[in-house]
Structure formats: C-alpha cells, structure tokens
Amino acid sequence: MRRCAPGMLQSGPQHAALQPAPWLRTLCLLLFAAVATLATGTAARAQATTSGVQTDTALDLYRFRLLQTGRRVGRFPVDAIEQRLEGTAVMDLHVGMDGTFKTGRVVQSSGHPLLDQAALDMLSRAVPATEIPAALANKAFIVRVAVAFVLPE
C-alpha cells in the first residue's frame, strides 16, 4: 500500500502501464471513516448518546466490513479506465433497520459523474451483503464512506 493523500491509504496494482489483466475490472477502492450518525429519531439518538462509544466502535467495524465486501463486488468502470479517470467520491449511505440499502447521496463528487455512479452502484450492492454488528442490529443508520478510484502509475 502507498500513501495517496494525508491520512489515506490507496490500494491497487503498481504497474507502469495499463495492461489487460483481471485487476482492470476490480475496483481500486478505499473506504474510510469520516462521519457516521444514527438516523432513527429521538429515541435512537438518545440511545446513541448513552452508548456512544459502543455505537462508534460498531460503525467502525461496519465500515471495515463494508470495505471488504466492496472490494469483492466493486468494478472499476471500463469507460473510466479507457478515459484514464481517477477520483474519490464521498458518499452518505442510509442503511435500513433490516440491513438493506435505502438511499445514497454524493457528499463530495469525484469530479466525474461516471465514477460517482460507479461508487454508488458498488456500495448499493455491498450494503446488503455486509454483516451488521450487534450494536447496530435493528437500527437504521447513516454511514459516510469514500471510494477512491486510482489507476496504476
């Protein structure tokens, strides 16, 4: 892994030139914790206040698991590879009480609508396949993550 920005690690192949290879279809992504909050009303906010540390830890664990799932289901768009597009999209994801993906919104664009949509598509597939920690079970929540699309140098 190498540094791609302060506080961020970027993963992906370190090749000098694009070559047809399996990694081309694999999303070079990084999900990192930024901000996450419970969004289930006053009762949930009160519960989050009394068990804030447990909730924060559970959200961090969920982000880690989401990263692992995202790496399996994500794809770097072929058009983006051909156009040599790179960028980081920051997304807020609303996860329902049943663990399903409800909505997602771009908080900060990657600068390329193609990459923003690819990030949202990947995360919408990753959310239902990601195990939810017990502290978040049966709760709706919003989690903020970033997806970095990085081509080899």
Foldseek 3Di string as FASTA:
>chain_A
DDDDDVPDDWDDDADPDDDPDPRQFFFRWDKDADDKDFDFDDVVNVVCVVVVVVVVVQLRVQSVQLVVLLRVQATDDPVCVVVVDWFKWKKKWKAALQQATDDMDTPDDRPDVVVNVSVRVSSNVSRSVGDGDPVCHSGIIIGIIMITGDDHD
